[in-house]
Amino acid sequence: MEPLPPGFAKQLLQVIEPGGEGAAAEVIGAAIHLDDARLGKFLELLADRVRSSSKPITEPELRDLLKKSTKPERPAAS
């Protein structure tokens, strides 16, 4: 895994809802304990959310992203 880019924490604070820093830290703290695949999924979902809207990310959204990242992948239907 590559190291986080310089200024990552500052950039993250710019997309978190004001006052939501503690909740964000809690969710991200839980995410870092996931296995590599699920952590990757969480980061992918978070990046997609950041790209899709300029609105600040709320605590419920972060918790939903964490929940989605821990769901088992369903095999593609054939």
N, C-alpha and C. Protein backbone atom coordinates (compact mmCIF):
# COMPACT_ATOMS: atom_id res chain seq x y z
N MET A 1 0.85 -1.17 0.00
CA MET A 1 0.00 0.00 0.00
C MET A 1 0.90 1.24 0.00
N GLU A 2 0.56 2.19 -0.82
CA GLU A 2 1.35 3.40 -0.91
C GLU A 2 1.03 4.33 0.26
N PRO A 3 2.01 5.14 0.67
CA PRO A 3 1.73 6.09 1.75
C PRO A 3 0.72 7.15 1.31
N LEU A 4 0.07 7.73 2.30
CA LEU A 4 -0.89 8.80 2.01
C LEU A 4 -0.14 10.01 1.45
N PRO A 5 -0.77 10.73 0.55
CA PRO A 5 -0.10 11.91 -0.03
C PRO A 5 0.05 13.00 1.02
N PRO A 6 1.03 13.88 0.82
CA PRO A 6 1.19 15.01 1.74
C PRO A 6 -0.10 15.83 1.78
N GLY A 7 -0.46 16.28 2.95
CA GLY A 7 -1.66 17.11 3.08
C GLY A 7 -2.96 16.34 3.04
N PHE A 8 -2.89 15.00 3.14
CA PHE A 8 -4.10 14.19 3.05
C PHE A 8 -5.13 14.57 4.11
N ALA A 9 -4.69 14.73 5.35
CA ALA A 9 -5.62 15.06 6.44
C ALA A 9 -6.31 16.40 6.18
N LYS A 10 -5.55 17.38 5.70
CA LYS A 10 -6.12 18.69 5.41
C LYS A 10 -7.15 18.59 4.28
N GLN A 11 -6.82 17.81 3.26
CA GLN A 11 -7.75 17.62 2.14
C GLN A 11 -9.02 16.92 2.61
N LEU A 12 -8.87 15.93 3.48
CA LEU A 12 -10.03 15.21 3.99
C LEU A 12 -10.95 16.13 4.78
N LEU A 13 -10.37 17.01 5.59
CA LEU A 13 -11.18 17.95 6.37
C LEU A 13 -12.02 18.87 5.48
N GLN A 14 -11.55 19.13 4.28
CA GLN A 14 -12.28 20.00 3.36
C GLN A 14 -13.55 19.35 2.83
N VAL A 15 -13.65 18.03 2.89
CA VAL A 15 -14.84 17.36 2.36
C VAL A 15 -15.76 16.81 3.45
N ILE A 16 -15.35 16.94 4.71
CA ILE A 16 -16.16 16.47 5.84
C ILE A 16 -17.04 17.62 6.34
N GLU A 17 -18.27 17.28 6.67
CA GLU A 17 -19.21 18.26 7.19
C GLU A 17 -18.61 18.94 8.42
N PRO A 18 -18.67 20.28 8.50
CA PRO A 18 -18.15 20.98 9.68
C PRO A 18 -18.75 20.41 10.96
N GLY A 19 -17.91 20.15 11.92
CA GLY A 19 -18.35 19.55 13.18
C GLY A 19 -18.36 18.04 13.14
N GLY A 20 -18.13 17.46 11.97
CA GLY A 20 -18.17 16.01 11.82
C GLY A 20 -16.82 15.34 11.89
N GLU A 21 -15.80 16.08 12.29
CA GLU A 21 -14.45 15.54 12.31
C GLU A 21 -14.30 14.33 13.25
N GLY A 22 -14.93 14.40 14.41
CA GLY A 22 -14.83 13.29 15.37
C GLY A 22 -15.47 12.03 14.83
N ALA A 23 -16.64 12.17 14.23
CA ALA A 23 -17.32 11.02 13.65
C ALA A 23 -16.52 10.47 12.48
N ALA A 24 -15.95 11.36 11.68
CA ALA A 24 -15.13 10.92 10.54
C ALA A 24 -13.93 10.13 11.04
N ALA A 25 -13.29 10.62 12.10
CA ALA A 25 -12.14 9.92 12.66
C ALA A 25 -12.54 8.54 13.16
N GLU A 26 -13.70 8.45 13.77
CA GLU A 26 -14.19 7.17 14.28
C GLU A 26 -14.42 6.18 13.14
N VAL A 27 -15.10 6.62 12.09
CA VAL A 27 -15.40 5.75 10.95
C VAL A 27 -14.11 5.34 10.24
N ILE A 28 -13.22 6.30 10.02
CA ILE A 28 -11.96 5.99 9.34
C ILE A 28 -11.11 5.07 10.21
N GLY A 29 -11.16 5.27 11.52
CA GLY A 29 -10.47 4.37 12.43
C GLY A 29 -10.98 2.95 12.32
N ALA A 30 -12.27 2.79 12.16
CA ALA A 30 -12.85 1.45 11.97
C ALA A 30 -12.45 0.89 10.61
N ALA A 31 -12.41 1.74 9.60
CA ALA A 31 -12.08 1.29 8.25
C ALA A 31 -10.65 0.77 8.15
N ILE A 32 -9.73 1.37 8.89
CA ILE A 32 -8.34 0.92 8.77
C ILE A 32 -8.12 -0.46 9.36
N HIS A 33 -9.10 -0.97 10.10
CA HIS A 33 -8.99 -2.32 10.65
C HIS A 33 -9.58 -3.38 9.71
N LEU A 34 -10.13 -2.93 8.58
CA LEU A 34 -10.67 -3.86 7.60
C LEU A 34 -9.52 -4.55 6.87
N ASP A 35 -9.84 -5.69 6.24
CA ASP A 35 -8.81 -6.31 5.41
C ASP A 35 -8.57 -5.43 4.18
N ASP A 36 -7.53 -5.74 3.43
CA ASP A 36 -7.13 -4.89 2.32
C ASP A 36 -8.24 -4.69 1.29
N ALA A 37 -8.96 -5.75 0.97
CA ALA A 37 -10.02 -5.64 -0.04
C ALA A 37 -11.14 -4.73 0.43
N ARG A 38 -11.55 -4.87 1.67
CA ARG A 38 -12.65 -4.05 2.18
C ARG A 38 -12.21 -2.60 2.41
N LEU A 39 -10.98 -2.41 2.86
CA LEU A 39 -10.47 -1.05 3.00
C LEU A 39 -10.39 -0.38 1.63
N GLY A 40 -9.94 -1.12 0.64
CA GLY A 40 -9.90 -0.59 -0.72
C GLY A 40 -11.28 -0.21 -1.21
N LYS A 41 -12.27 -1.04 -0.89
CA LYS A 41 -13.65 -0.75 -1.29
C LYS A 41 -14.14 0.51 -0.59
N PHE A 42 -13.85 0.67 0.70
CA PHE A 42 -14.25 1.86 1.44
C PHE A 42 -13.64 3.11 0.80
N LEU A 43 -12.35 3.06 0.52
CA LEU A 43 -11.69 4.21 -0.08
C LEU A 43 -12.23 4.51 -1.48
N GLU A 44 -12.55 3.47 -2.22
CA GLU A 44 -13.15 3.64 -3.56
C GLU A 44 -14.51 4.32 -3.45
N LEU A 45 -15.33 3.86 -2.52
CA LEU A 45 -16.66 4.46 -2.32
C LEU A 45 -16.54 5.91 -1.85
N LEU A 46 -15.60 6.16 -0.97
CA LEU A 46 -15.39 7.52 -0.48
C LEU A 46 -14.95 8.43 -1.62
N ALA A 47 -14.02 7.96 -2.44
CA ALA A 47 -13.54 8.76 -3.57
C ALA A 47 -14.67 9.03 -4.56
N ASP A 48 -15.49 8.01 -4.82
CA ASP A 48 -16.64 8.20 -5.72
C ASP A 48 -17.58 9.26 -5.18
N ARG A 49 -17.82 9.23 -3.88
CA ARG A 49 -18.72 10.20 -3.25
C ARG A 49 -18.15 11.62 -3.36
N VAL A 50 -16.87 11.76 -3.12
CA VAL A 50 -16.23 13.07 -3.20
C VAL A 50 -16.32 13.62 -4.62
N ARG A 51 -16.10 12.74 -5.61
CA ARG A 51 -16.16 13.19 -7.01
C ARG A 51 -17.57 13.53 -7.45
N SER A 52 -18.57 12.87 -6.87
CA SER A 52 -19.94 13.03 -7.35
C SER A 52 -20.68 14.24 -6.79
N SER A 53 -20.19 14.83 -5.71
CA SER A 53 -20.90 15.94 -5.09
C SER A 53 -19.92 16.86 -4.37
N SER A 54 -20.21 18.15 -4.45
CA SER A 54 -19.37 19.12 -3.72
C SER A 54 -19.88 19.34 -2.31
N LYS A 55 -21.02 18.74 -1.96
CA LYS A 55 -21.55 18.87 -0.59
C LYS A 55 -20.62 18.18 0.40
N PRO A 56 -20.50 18.71 1.61
CA PRO A 56 -19.70 18.03 2.63
C PRO A 56 -20.29 16.65 2.95
N ILE A 57 -19.43 15.73 3.27
CA ILE A 57 -19.85 14.37 3.61
C ILE A 57 -20.31 14.35 5.07
N THR A 58 -21.47 13.77 5.30
CA THR A 58 -22.05 13.71 6.64
C THR A 58 -21.68 12.41 7.35
N GLU A 59 -21.87 12.40 8.66
CA GLU A 59 -21.61 11.19 9.45
C GLU A 59 -22.43 9.99 8.94
N PRO A 60 -23.74 10.15 8.71
CA PRO A 60 -24.50 9.00 8.21
C PRO A 60 -23.96 8.48 6.87
N GLU A 61 -23.52 9.38 6.01
CA GLU A 61 -22.95 8.93 4.73
C GLU A 61 -21.68 8.11 4.95
N LEU A 62 -20.81 8.58 5.84
CA LEU A 62 -19.58 7.84 6.13
C LEU A 62 -19.89 6.46 6.69
N ARG A 63 -20.84 6.41 7.61
CA ARG A 63 -21.20 5.11 8.20
C ARG A 63 -21.79 4.19 7.14
N ASP A 64 -22.56 4.75 6.21
CA ASP A 64 -23.13 3.94 5.13
C ASP A 64 -22.02 3.41 4.21
N LEU A 65 -21.03 4.25 3.91
CA LEU A 65 -19.92 3.80 3.08
C LEU A 65 -19.16 2.65 3.76
N LEU A 66 -18.97 2.78 5.07
CA LEU A 66 -18.29 1.71 5.82
C LEU A 66 -19.11 0.43 5.77
N LYS A 67 -20.41 0.56 5.97
CA LYS A 67 -21.29 -0.61 5.95
C LYS A 67 -21.25 -1.27 4.57
N LYS A 68 -21.34 -0.46 3.51
CA LYS A 68 -21.30 -1.01 2.15
C LYS A 68 -19.98 -1.71 1.85
N SER A 69 -18.91 -1.19 2.41
CA SER A 69 -17.59 -1.76 2.13
C SER A 69 -17.39 -3.11 2.82
N THR A 70 -18.19 -3.40 3.82
CA THR A 70 -18.04 -4.67 4.54
C THR A 70 -19.00 -5.74 4.06
N LYS A 71 -19.90 -5.39 3.14
CA LYS A 71 -20.82 -6.39 2.60
C LYS A 71 -20.06 -7.30 1.65
N PRO A 72 -20.34 -8.59 1.71
CA PRO A 72 -19.67 -9.51 0.78
C PRO A 72 -20.08 -9.19 -0.66
N GLU A 73 -19.13 -9.36 -1.56
CA GLU A 73 -19.40 -9.14 -2.98
C GLU A 73 -20.29 -10.28 -3.48
N ARG A 74 -21.29 -9.92 -4.27
CA ARG A 74 -22.13 -10.94 -4.88
C ARG A 74 -21.55 -11.33 -6.22
N PRO A 75 -21.50 -12.65 -6.49
CA PRO A 75 -21.00 -13.05 -7.80
C PRO A 75 -21.92 -12.57 -8.91
N ALA A 76 -21.35 -12.27 -10.04
CA ALA A 76 -22.14 -11.82 -11.19
C ALA A 76 -23.06 -12.93 -11.66
N ALA A 77 -24.28 -12.56 -12.02
CA ALA A 77 -25.23 -13.55 -12.51
C ALA A 77 -24.81 -14.02 -13.88
N SER A 78 -25.02 -15.31 -14.13
CA SER A 78 -24.64 -15.81 -15.45
C SER A 78 -25.82 -16.16 -16.30
